[in-house]
Amino acid sequence: MDRVTYPGIVDESKWLTASLGVAFLAVALMTIRSRSAVAGRQQALAAMSLFFALTVGTMAFGHLLAVSVKLVLGTLEGSTANHYLIGVALAVPSWWLVEHTPQLLAPGGPRQTATTLRLHVWVVATLLVMGLHNLPLAAPGLVTIAYAMQSRRVVSWVLAGLFVAINLVLFIGSLVFLASGQTFEQFRGIE
């Protein structure tokens, strides 16, 4: 009897596309529902923060779900503890950032920027500690940090445009990866 493999859950080629889609929908809903009195710059920071946090947070959830399914099926390779540690290390700060983002839109939201920056640094650092191959995923967080730390209007527009461009490239890349049907290792030529 063949085992059920749950390819949609354990196949990492699907999670980036899904994560970016979830992030886009959440930011669109936040934008539609937001009638905040805070400045447009603060609204942009909230949108960038939510998009980045949901992208990484959804991928972390997918990682933890895939690890759990593979563990139950007996197909998990490597250290179970390490696999769970990776997922939790990304899930905790990214979901904390998701939870924190609405505070940026509340009256007094600009005072929350320091917390936002700390959470971004935590997520970005975690991604980069896990390997430089995560730099494309960390890049939107780095751009958001730069956006929050500067105050010039032209620079804000450039950084917001860069944020959109990076995420568009990630989405196109995720679609190419999804269409390839390969594992991450096969796609990169490792396997």
N, C-alpha and C. Protein backbone atom coordinates (compact mmCIF):
# COMPACT_ATOMS: atom_id res chain seq x y z
N MET A 1 0.83 -1.18 0.00
CA MET A 1 0.00 0.00 0.00
C MET A 1 0.88 1.24 0.00
N ASP A 2 0.61 2.16 -0.89
CA ASP A 2 1.39 3.39 -0.99
C ASP A 2 1.07 4.33 0.17
N ARG A 3 2.11 5.01 0.62
CA ARG A 3 1.94 6.02 1.67
C ARG A 3 1.42 7.31 1.07
N VAL A 4 0.63 8.00 1.84
CA VAL A 4 0.20 9.34 1.46
C VAL A 4 1.36 10.27 1.78
N THR A 5 1.74 11.12 0.83
CA THR A 5 2.92 11.96 1.05
C THR A 5 2.59 13.42 1.30
N TYR A 6 1.37 13.85 1.08
CA TYR A 6 0.97 15.24 1.29
C TYR A 6 1.91 16.21 0.57
N PRO A 7 2.04 16.08 -0.77
CA PRO A 7 3.02 16.89 -1.48
C PRO A 7 2.79 18.40 -1.36
N GLY A 8 1.56 18.82 -1.24
CA GLY A 8 1.29 20.26 -1.13
C GLY A 8 1.81 20.84 0.17
N ILE A 9 1.85 20.02 1.21
CA ILE A 9 2.30 20.51 2.52
C ILE A 9 3.81 20.43 2.65
N VAL A 10 4.38 19.33 2.22
CA VAL A 10 5.81 19.13 2.44
C VAL A 10 6.68 19.67 1.31
N ASP A 11 6.08 20.11 0.23
CA ASP A 11 6.84 20.62 -0.91
C ASP A 11 7.12 22.11 -0.75
N GLU A 12 8.36 22.44 -0.47
CA GLU A 12 8.73 23.84 -0.20
C GLU A 12 8.57 24.75 -1.40
N SER A 13 8.42 24.19 -2.59
CA SER A 13 8.26 25.03 -3.78
C SER A 13 6.93 25.78 -3.78
N LYS A 14 5.99 25.35 -2.97
CA LYS A 14 4.68 25.99 -2.92
C LYS A 14 4.57 27.07 -1.84
N TRP A 15 5.40 27.03 -0.84
CA TRP A 15 5.21 27.90 0.32
C TRP A 15 5.56 29.36 0.06
N LEU A 16 6.57 29.66 -0.73
CA LEU A 16 6.92 31.06 -0.98
C LEU A 16 5.80 31.76 -1.75
N THR A 17 5.29 31.13 -2.77
CA THR A 17 4.19 31.72 -3.54
C THR A 17 2.98 31.95 -2.64
N ALA A 18 2.63 30.95 -1.86
CA ALA A 18 1.48 31.08 -0.95
C ALA A 18 1.73 32.18 0.09
N SER A 19 2.93 32.24 0.62
CA SER A 19 3.26 33.25 1.64
C SER A 19 3.16 34.66 1.08
N LEU A 20 3.67 34.86 -0.11
CA LEU A 20 3.58 36.18 -0.73
C LEU A 20 2.13 36.54 -1.05
N GLY A 21 1.35 35.56 -1.46
CA GLY A 21 -0.07 35.79 -1.73
C GLY A 21 -0.83 36.17 -0.47
N VAL A 22 -0.57 35.47 0.63
CA VAL A 22 -1.20 35.79 1.91
C VAL A 22 -0.81 37.20 2.35
N ALA A 23 0.46 37.52 2.21
CA ALA A 23 0.94 38.85 2.61
C ALA A 23 0.29 39.95 1.78
N PHE A 24 0.18 39.74 0.48
CA PHE A 24 -0.46 40.73 -0.38
C PHE A 24 -1.92 40.95 0.01
N LEU A 25 -2.65 39.86 0.22
CA LEU A 25 -4.06 39.98 0.60
C LEU A 25 -4.22 40.70 1.94
N ALA A 26 -3.38 40.37 2.90
CA ALA A 26 -3.47 41.01 4.22
C ALA A 26 -3.18 42.51 4.14
N VAL A 27 -2.17 42.89 3.36
CA VAL A 27 -1.85 44.31 3.21
C VAL A 27 -2.98 45.03 2.47
N ALA A 28 -3.54 44.38 1.45
CA ALA A 28 -4.66 44.98 0.73
C ALA A 28 -5.85 45.20 1.67
N LEU A 29 -6.16 44.20 2.50
CA LEU A 29 -7.25 44.34 3.46
C LEU A 29 -6.95 45.42 4.49
N MET A 30 -5.73 45.47 4.98
CA MET A 30 -5.35 46.49 5.95
C MET A 30 -5.50 47.88 5.34
N THR A 31 -5.10 48.03 4.10
CA THR A 31 -5.17 49.32 3.42
C THR A 31 -6.63 49.74 3.22
N ILE A 32 -7.47 48.80 2.81
CA ILE A 32 -8.88 49.10 2.59
C ILE A 32 -9.58 49.47 3.90
N ARG A 33 -9.26 48.74 4.95
CA ARG A 33 -9.94 48.94 6.24
C ARG A 33 -9.36 50.08 7.06
N SER A 34 -8.16 50.48 6.77
CA SER A 34 -7.48 51.48 7.58
C SER A 34 -8.03 52.87 7.30
N ARG A 35 -8.50 53.49 8.32
CA ARG A 35 -8.91 54.89 8.26
C ARG A 35 -8.10 55.65 9.30
N SER A 36 -6.82 55.32 9.33
CA SER A 36 -5.93 55.86 10.35
C SER A 36 -5.62 57.33 10.10
N ALA A 37 -5.43 58.04 11.19
CA ALA A 37 -5.07 59.46 11.11
C ALA A 37 -3.55 59.65 11.05
N VAL A 38 -2.80 58.55 11.07
CA VAL A 38 -1.35 58.68 11.03
C VAL A 38 -0.89 59.02 9.62
N ALA A 39 0.30 59.54 9.53
CA ALA A 39 0.87 59.98 8.25
C ALA A 39 1.02 58.81 7.28
N GLY A 40 1.02 59.15 6.00
CA GLY A 40 1.19 58.15 4.95
C GLY A 40 2.49 57.37 5.10
N ARG A 41 3.52 58.04 5.59
CA ARG A 41 4.80 57.37 5.81
C ARG A 41 4.65 56.25 6.84
N GLN A 42 3.89 56.51 7.91
CA GLN A 42 3.67 55.50 8.94
C GLN A 42 2.79 54.37 8.39
N GLN A 43 1.83 54.71 7.55
CA GLN A 43 0.99 53.68 6.92
C GLN A 43 1.83 52.79 6.00
N ALA A 44 2.76 53.41 5.27
CA ALA A 44 3.64 52.63 4.39
C ALA A 44 4.52 51.70 5.22
N LEU A 45 5.03 52.22 6.34
CA LEU A 45 5.86 51.37 7.22
C LEU A 45 5.05 50.19 7.74
N ALA A 46 3.80 50.44 8.11
CA ALA A 46 2.94 49.36 8.59
C ALA A 46 2.70 48.33 7.49
N ALA A 47 2.45 48.80 6.27
CA ALA A 47 2.21 47.88 5.15
C ALA A 47 3.46 47.05 4.84
N MET A 48 4.61 47.70 4.81
CA MET A 48 5.86 46.99 4.54
C MET A 48 6.15 45.98 5.64
N SER A 49 5.92 46.38 6.88
CA SER A 49 6.17 45.50 8.03
C SER A 49 5.25 44.28 7.98
N LEU A 50 3.96 44.52 7.73
CA LEU A 50 3.01 43.41 7.68
C LEU A 50 3.35 42.46 6.54
N PHE A 51 3.69 43.00 5.38
CA PHE A 51 4.02 42.16 4.23
C PHE A 51 5.23 41.27 4.54
N PHE A 52 6.30 41.88 5.06
CA PHE A 52 7.51 41.12 5.37
C PHE A 52 7.23 40.08 6.45
N ALA A 53 6.55 40.49 7.52
CA ALA A 53 6.30 39.58 8.63
C ALA A 53 5.42 38.40 8.22
N LEU A 54 4.39 38.67 7.42
CA LEU A 54 3.52 37.58 6.98
C LEU A 54 4.21 36.65 6.00
N THR A 55 5.05 37.20 5.15
CA THR A 55 5.79 36.34 4.21
C THR A 55 6.65 35.34 4.99
N VAL A 56 7.45 35.85 5.91
CA VAL A 56 8.35 34.98 6.68
C VAL A 56 7.54 34.11 7.65
N GLY A 57 6.54 34.70 8.30
CA GLY A 57 5.73 33.95 9.27
C GLY A 57 4.97 32.81 8.64
N THR A 58 4.40 33.02 7.45
CA THR A 58 3.68 31.96 6.76
C THR A 58 4.64 30.87 6.31
N MET A 59 5.82 31.26 5.86
CA MET A 59 6.82 30.27 5.47
C MET A 59 7.28 29.46 6.69
N ALA A 60 7.44 30.13 7.83
CA ALA A 60 7.82 29.42 9.06
C ALA A 60 6.74 28.43 9.46
N PHE A 61 5.47 28.86 9.37
CA PHE A 61 4.36 27.95 9.65
C PHE A 61 4.41 26.75 8.70
N GLY A 62 4.62 27.01 7.41
CA GLY A 62 4.71 25.94 6.42
C GLY A 62 5.86 24.99 6.72
N HIS A 63 6.98 25.55 7.16
CA HIS A 63 8.13 24.73 7.52
C HIS A 63 7.78 23.81 8.69
N LEU A 64 7.17 24.38 9.73
CA LEU A 64 6.80 23.59 10.91
C LEU A 64 5.77 22.52 10.56
N LEU A 65 4.81 22.87 9.71
CA LEU A 65 3.81 21.90 9.28
C LEU A 65 4.45 20.77 8.48
N ALA A 66 5.35 21.13 7.56
CA ALA A 66 6.02 20.11 6.74
C ALA A 66 6.89 19.20 7.61
N VAL A 67 7.60 19.78 8.57
CA VAL A 67 8.43 18.97 9.47
C VAL A 67 7.54 18.00 10.26
N SER A 68 6.42 18.49 10.75
CA SER A 68 5.51 17.64 11.53
C SER A 68 4.95 16.50 10.69
N VAL A 69 4.53 16.82 9.46
CA VAL A 69 3.99 15.78 8.57
C VAL A 69 5.07 14.76 8.23
N LYS A 70 6.26 15.24 7.90
CA LYS A 70 7.36 14.31 7.58
C LYS A 70 7.72 13.45 8.78
N LEU A 71 7.67 14.02 9.98
CA LEU A 71 7.96 13.27 11.20
C LEU A 71 6.94 12.15 11.39
N VAL A 72 5.66 12.47 11.22
CA VAL A 72 4.59 11.48 11.37
C VAL A 72 4.71 10.39 10.31
N LEU A 73 5.06 10.79 9.08
CA LEU A 73 5.19 9.81 7.99
C LEU A 73 6.48 9.02 8.05
N GLY A 74 7.41 9.45 8.89
CA GLY A 74 8.70 8.77 8.99
C GLY A 74 9.65 9.10 7.87
N THR A 75 9.45 10.24 7.20
CA THR A 75 10.30 10.62 6.07
C THR A 75 11.20 11.81 6.39
N LEU A 76 11.20 12.26 7.64
CA LEU A 76 12.02 13.42 8.02
C LEU A 76 13.48 13.00 8.08
N GLU A 77 14.31 13.75 7.37
CA GLU A 77 15.75 13.50 7.39
C GLU A 77 16.43 14.56 8.22
N GLY A 78 17.45 14.20 8.95
CA GLY A 78 18.18 15.17 9.78
C GLY A 78 17.61 15.23 11.18
N SER A 79 18.09 16.20 11.91
CA SER A 79 17.73 16.36 13.31
C SER A 79 16.34 16.98 13.46
N THR A 80 15.46 16.27 14.13
CA THR A 80 14.11 16.79 14.37
C THR A 80 14.18 18.09 15.16
N ALA A 81 15.00 18.12 16.18
CA ALA A 81 15.12 19.31 17.03
C ALA A 81 15.60 20.51 16.21
N ASN A 82 16.58 20.31 15.34
CA ASN A 82 17.08 21.41 14.51
C ASN A 82 16.01 21.92 13.55
N HIS A 83 15.26 21.01 12.97
CA HIS A 83 14.19 21.42 12.04
C HIS A 83 13.14 22.25 12.76
N TYR A 84 12.74 21.81 13.96
CA TYR A 84 11.76 22.59 14.72
C TYR A 84 12.34 23.91 15.19
N LEU A 85 13.60 23.91 15.58
CA LEU A 85 14.26 25.14 16.04
C LEU A 85 14.26 26.19 14.94
N ILE A 86 14.54 25.79 13.72
CA ILE A 86 14.54 26.72 12.58
C ILE A 86 13.15 27.35 12.43
N GLY A 87 12.12 26.53 12.44
CA GLY A 87 10.76 27.04 12.29
C GLY A 87 10.34 27.97 13.41
N VAL A 88 10.63 27.59 14.64
CA VAL A 88 10.26 28.42 15.79
C VAL A 88 11.06 29.71 15.80
N ALA A 89 12.35 29.63 15.46
CA ALA A 89 13.20 30.82 15.46
C ALA A 89 12.71 31.87 14.47
N LEU A 90 12.07 31.45 13.40
CA LEU A 90 11.49 32.39 12.43
C LEU A 90 10.05 32.75 12.76
N ALA A 91 9.30 31.80 13.28
CA ALA A 91 7.88 32.03 13.55
C ALA A 91 7.68 33.05 14.67
N VAL A 92 8.42 32.92 15.75
CA VAL A 92 8.19 33.78 16.92
C VAL A 92 8.35 35.27 16.58
N PRO A 93 9.51 35.70 16.06
CA PRO A 93 9.62 37.15 15.80
C PRO A 93 8.73 37.64 14.66
N SER A 94 8.53 36.80 13.64
CA SER A 94 7.71 37.27 12.51
C SER A 94 6.24 37.39 12.92
N TRP A 95 5.71 36.44 13.67
CA TRP A 95 4.31 36.55 14.10
C TRP A 95 4.15 37.63 15.16
N TRP A 96 5.17 37.86 15.94
CA TRP A 96 5.14 38.97 16.90
C TRP A 96 5.06 40.30 16.12
N LEU A 97 5.81 40.38 15.03
CA LEU A 97 5.77 41.58 14.18
C LEU A 97 4.39 41.74 13.53
N VAL A 98 3.78 40.64 13.10
CA VAL A 98 2.42 40.70 12.55
C VAL A 98 1.47 41.27 13.60
N GLU A 99 1.58 40.77 14.81
CA GLU A 99 0.71 41.22 15.90
C GLU A 99 0.96 42.69 16.25
N HIS A 100 2.18 43.12 16.12
CA HIS A 100 2.58 44.49 16.47
C HIS A 100 2.18 45.52 15.40
N THR A 101 2.10 45.13 14.16
CA THR A 101 1.90 46.06 13.06
C THR A 101 0.69 46.99 13.21
N PRO A 102 -0.47 46.52 13.64
CA PRO A 102 -1.61 47.45 13.79
C PRO A 102 -1.32 48.62 14.75
N GLN A 103 -0.42 48.44 15.68
CA GLN A 103 -0.08 49.52 16.60
C GLN A 103 0.56 50.69 15.86
N LEU A 104 1.17 50.43 14.72
CA LEU A 104 1.77 51.50 13.93
C LEU A 104 0.71 52.44 13.37
N LEU A 105 -0.52 51.95 13.22
CA LEU A 105 -1.60 52.74 12.64
C LEU A 105 -2.45 53.44 13.70
N ALA A 106 -2.21 53.12 14.96
CA ALA A 106 -2.97 53.73 16.05
C ALA A 106 -2.41 55.12 16.35
N PRO A 107 -3.23 55.97 16.96
CA PRO A 107 -2.68 57.27 17.40
C PRO A 107 -1.45 57.02 18.28
N GLY A 108 -0.42 57.76 18.03
CA GLY A 108 0.84 57.54 18.75
C GLY A 108 1.67 56.44 18.13
N GLY A 109 1.26 55.95 16.96
CA GLY A 109 1.95 54.87 16.28
C GLY A 109 3.42 55.12 16.01
N PRO A 110 3.79 56.37 15.68
CA PRO A 110 5.22 56.60 15.44
C PRO A 110 6.11 56.25 16.63
N ARG A 111 5.56 56.26 17.84
CA ARG A 111 6.35 55.86 19.00
C ARG A 111 6.66 54.37 18.97
N GLN A 112 5.90 53.61 18.18
CA GLN A 112 6.09 52.16 18.09
C GLN A 112 7.19 51.78 17.09
N THR A 113 7.74 52.75 16.40
CA THR A 113 8.73 52.46 15.36
C THR A 113 9.96 51.75 15.91
N ALA A 114 10.39 52.09 17.11
CA ALA A 114 11.57 51.44 17.70
C ALA A 114 11.32 49.95 17.89
N THR A 115 10.14 49.59 18.37
CA THR A 115 9.80 48.18 18.53
C THR A 115 9.75 47.49 17.17
N THR A 116 9.18 48.17 16.19
CA THR A 116 9.12 47.63 14.83
C THR A 116 10.52 47.33 14.31
N LEU A 117 11.43 48.27 14.51
CA LEU A 117 12.81 48.08 14.05
C LEU A 117 13.47 46.89 14.74
N ARG A 118 13.29 46.78 16.05
CA ARG A 118 13.88 45.64 16.78
C ARG A 118 13.35 44.31 16.26
N LEU A 119 12.06 44.24 16.01
CA LEU A 119 11.48 42.99 15.49
C LEU A 119 11.99 42.67 14.09
N HIS A 120 12.12 43.70 13.25
CA HIS A 120 12.69 43.49 11.91
C HIS A 120 14.12 42.97 12.00
N VAL A 121 14.91 43.60 12.85
CA VAL A 121 16.30 43.18 13.01
C VAL A 121 16.35 41.72 13.47
N TRP A 122 15.47 41.34 14.37
CA TRP A 122 15.42 39.97 14.87
C TRP A 122 15.12 38.99 13.73
N VAL A 123 14.10 39.28 12.93
CA VAL A 123 13.74 38.38 11.83
C VAL A 123 14.86 38.32 10.79
N VAL A 124 15.38 39.48 10.40
CA VAL A 124 16.45 39.53 9.40
C VAL A 124 17.69 38.79 9.90
N ALA A 125 18.07 39.04 11.14
CA ALA A 125 19.26 38.38 11.71
C ALA A 125 19.06 36.87 11.74
N THR A 126 17.88 36.42 12.12
CA THR A 126 17.61 34.99 12.17
C THR A 126 17.73 34.37 10.78
N LEU A 127 17.17 35.03 9.78
CA LEU A 127 17.28 34.53 8.41
C LEU A 127 18.75 34.43 7.98
N LEU A 128 19.51 35.48 8.24
CA LEU A 128 20.90 35.51 7.78
C LEU A 128 21.80 34.56 8.56
N VAL A 129 21.51 34.35 9.85
CA VAL A 129 22.29 33.38 10.63
C VAL A 129 22.09 31.98 10.07
N MET A 130 20.92 31.74 9.51
CA MET A 130 20.64 30.42 8.94
C MET A 130 21.29 30.23 7.57
N GLY A 131 21.88 31.28 7.03
CA GLY A 131 22.62 31.15 5.79
C GLY A 131 22.38 32.32 4.86
N LEU A 132 23.42 32.68 4.12
CA LEU A 132 23.31 33.79 3.17
C LEU A 132 22.34 33.50 2.03
N HIS A 133 22.01 32.22 1.83
CA HIS A 133 21.02 31.89 0.80
C HIS A 133 19.65 32.47 1.15
N ASN A 134 19.46 32.92 2.40
CA ASN A 134 18.21 33.55 2.81
C ASN A 134 18.20 35.06 2.58
N LEU A 135 19.27 35.61 2.02
CA LEU A 135 19.34 37.05 1.78
C LEU A 135 18.16 37.57 0.94
N PRO A 136 17.72 36.88 -0.11
CA PRO A 136 16.55 37.39 -0.85
C PRO A 136 15.30 37.53 0.03
N LEU A 137 15.13 36.62 0.98
CA LEU A 137 13.99 36.72 1.89
C LEU A 137 14.19 37.82 2.93
N ALA A 138 15.44 38.06 3.30
CA ALA A 138 15.75 39.08 4.31
C ALA A 138 15.76 40.48 3.71
N ALA A 139 15.98 40.59 2.40
CA ALA A 139 16.12 41.90 1.76
C ALA A 139 14.93 42.84 2.01
N PRO A 140 13.68 42.38 1.90
CA PRO A 140 12.57 43.30 2.19
C PRO A 140 12.62 43.84 3.63
N GLY A 141 13.06 43.03 4.56
CA GLY A 141 13.19 43.48 5.94
C GLY A 141 14.29 44.52 6.08
N LEU A 142 15.39 44.32 5.38
CA LEU A 142 16.48 45.30 5.40
C LEU A 142 16.02 46.63 4.81
N VAL A 143 15.26 46.58 3.73
CA VAL A 143 14.74 47.80 3.11
C VAL A 143 13.76 48.50 4.05
N THR A 144 12.94 47.73 4.73
CA THR A 144 11.98 48.32 5.68
C THR A 144 12.71 49.00 6.83
N ILE A 145 13.79 48.39 7.30
CA ILE A 145 14.59 49.01 8.36
C ILE A 145 15.16 50.34 7.87
N ALA A 146 15.71 50.34 6.66
CA ALA A 146 16.25 51.57 6.09
C ALA A 146 15.16 52.62 5.94
N TYR A 147 13.97 52.20 5.50
CA TYR A 147 12.83 53.11 5.34
C TYR A 147 12.48 53.77 6.68
N ALA A 148 12.43 52.99 7.73
CA ALA A 148 12.06 53.51 9.06
C ALA A 148 13.10 54.44 9.64
N MET A 149 14.36 54.27 9.24
CA MET A 149 15.45 55.03 9.84
C MET A 149 15.75 56.36 9.15
N GLN A 150 15.10 56.63 8.05
CA GLN A 150 15.39 57.87 7.33
C GLN A 150 14.12 58.72 7.27
N SER A 151 14.26 59.97 6.88
CA SER A 151 13.10 60.86 6.87
C SER A 151 12.95 61.68 5.59
N ARG A 152 13.81 61.49 4.63
CA ARG A 152 13.73 62.27 3.39
C ARG A 152 12.68 61.65 2.46
N ARG A 153 11.84 62.50 1.93
CA ARG A 153 10.72 62.06 1.09
C ARG A 153 11.20 61.27 -0.14
N VAL A 154 12.20 61.77 -0.83
CA VAL A 154 12.70 61.09 -2.04
C VAL A 154 13.25 59.71 -1.69
N VAL A 155 14.00 59.65 -0.61
CA VAL A 155 14.56 58.37 -0.19
C VAL A 155 13.43 57.41 0.19
N SER A 156 12.39 57.92 0.84
CA SER A 156 11.23 57.09 1.19
C SER A 156 10.62 56.46 -0.05
N TRP A 157 10.42 57.27 -1.07
CA TRP A 157 9.84 56.76 -2.31
C TRP A 157 10.73 55.71 -2.96
N VAL A 158 12.03 55.97 -2.97
CA VAL A 158 12.97 55.01 -3.57
C VAL A 158 12.95 53.69 -2.81
N LEU A 159 12.98 53.77 -1.48
CA LEU A 159 12.98 52.55 -0.67
C LEU A 159 11.66 51.79 -0.78
N ALA A 160 10.54 52.52 -0.82
CA ALA A 160 9.25 51.85 -0.99
C ALA A 160 9.20 51.16 -2.36
N GLY A 161 9.71 51.83 -3.39
CA GLY A 161 9.76 51.23 -4.72
C GLY A 161 10.66 50.01 -4.76
N LEU A 162 11.80 50.09 -4.06
CA LEU A 162 12.72 48.96 -3.98
C LEU A 162 12.06 47.78 -3.26
N PHE A 163 11.32 48.07 -2.20
CA PHE A 163 10.59 47.04 -1.46
C PHE A 163 9.63 46.30 -2.40
N VAL A 164 8.86 47.06 -3.16
CA VAL A 164 7.90 46.46 -4.10
C VAL A 164 8.65 45.65 -5.16
N ALA A 165 9.73 46.19 -5.70
CA ALA A 165 10.49 45.50 -6.75
C ALA A 165 11.07 44.18 -6.24
N ILE A 166 11.65 44.20 -5.05
CA ILE A 166 12.22 42.97 -4.48
C ILE A 166 11.15 41.91 -4.32
N ASN A 167 9.99 42.31 -3.78
CA ASN A 167 8.92 41.34 -3.57
C ASN A 167 8.32 40.86 -4.89
N LEU A 168 8.30 41.70 -5.89
CA LEU A 168 7.84 41.28 -7.22
C LEU A 168 8.80 40.24 -7.81
N VAL A 169 10.10 40.49 -7.67
CA VAL A 169 11.10 39.53 -8.14
C VAL A 169 10.97 38.21 -7.37
N LEU A 170 10.77 38.29 -6.05
CA LEU A 170 10.57 37.08 -5.25
C LEU A 170 9.34 36.31 -5.73
N PHE A 171 8.26 37.04 -6.02
CA PHE A 171 7.03 36.38 -6.48
C PHE A 171 7.25 35.71 -7.83
N ILE A 172 7.87 36.41 -8.77
CA ILE A 172 8.15 35.83 -10.09
C ILE A 172 9.07 34.61 -9.93
N GLY A 173 10.11 34.76 -9.09
CA GLY A 173 11.00 33.63 -8.83
C GLY A 173 10.27 32.45 -8.21
N SER A 174 9.32 32.74 -7.31
CA SER A 174 8.56 31.65 -6.68
C SER A 174 7.68 30.94 -7.70
N LEU A 175 7.15 31.69 -8.67
CA LEU A 175 6.34 31.07 -9.71
C LEU A 175 7.19 30.17 -10.61
N VAL A 176 8.40 30.63 -10.93
CA VAL A 176 9.32 29.81 -11.73
C VAL A 176 9.67 28.54 -10.96
N PHE A 177 9.98 28.70 -9.67
CA PHE A 177 10.31 27.56 -8.81
C PHE A 177 9.12 26.62 -8.73
N LEU A 178 7.92 27.16 -8.54
CA LEU A 178 6.69 26.35 -8.46
C LEU A 178 6.48 25.58 -9.76
N ALA A 179 6.66 26.25 -10.89
CA ALA A 179 6.46 25.61 -12.18
C ALA A 179 7.50 24.53 -12.47
N SER A 180 8.68 24.65 -11.86
CA SER A 180 9.74 23.68 -12.13
C SER A 180 9.41 22.30 -11.55
N GLY A 181 8.62 22.28 -10.47
CA GLY A 181 8.28 21.02 -9.83
C GLY A 181 9.44 20.36 -9.12
N GLN A 182 10.55 21.08 -8.98
CA GLN A 182 11.73 20.52 -8.35
C GLN A 182 11.80 20.89 -6.88
N THR A 183 12.61 20.13 -6.14
CA THR A 183 12.89 20.51 -4.76
C THR A 183 13.87 21.67 -4.79
N PHE A 184 14.04 22.33 -3.65
CA PHE A 184 14.96 23.45 -3.56
C PHE A 184 16.38 23.02 -3.94
N GLU A 185 16.78 21.84 -3.48
CA GLU A 185 18.12 21.34 -3.75
C GLU A 185 18.30 21.04 -5.24
N GLN A 186 17.30 20.45 -5.87
CA GLN A 186 17.37 20.16 -7.31
C GLN A 186 17.40 21.46 -8.11
N PHE A 187 16.58 22.42 -7.71
CA PHE A 187 16.50 23.70 -8.41
C PHE A 187 17.82 24.43 -8.38
N ARG A 188 18.52 24.37 -7.25
CA ARG A 188 19.81 25.05 -7.10
C ARG A 188 20.97 24.21 -7.66
N GLY A 189 20.69 23.01 -8.12
CA GLY A 189 21.74 22.16 -8.68
C GLY A 189 22.58 21.45 -7.64
N ILE A 190 22.08 21.39 -6.39
CA ILE A 190 22.81 20.73 -5.31
C ILE A 190 22.64 19.23 -5.39
N GLU A 191 21.46 18.80 -5.81
CA GLU A 191 21.14 17.38 -5.81
C GLU A 191 21.21 16.82 -7.22
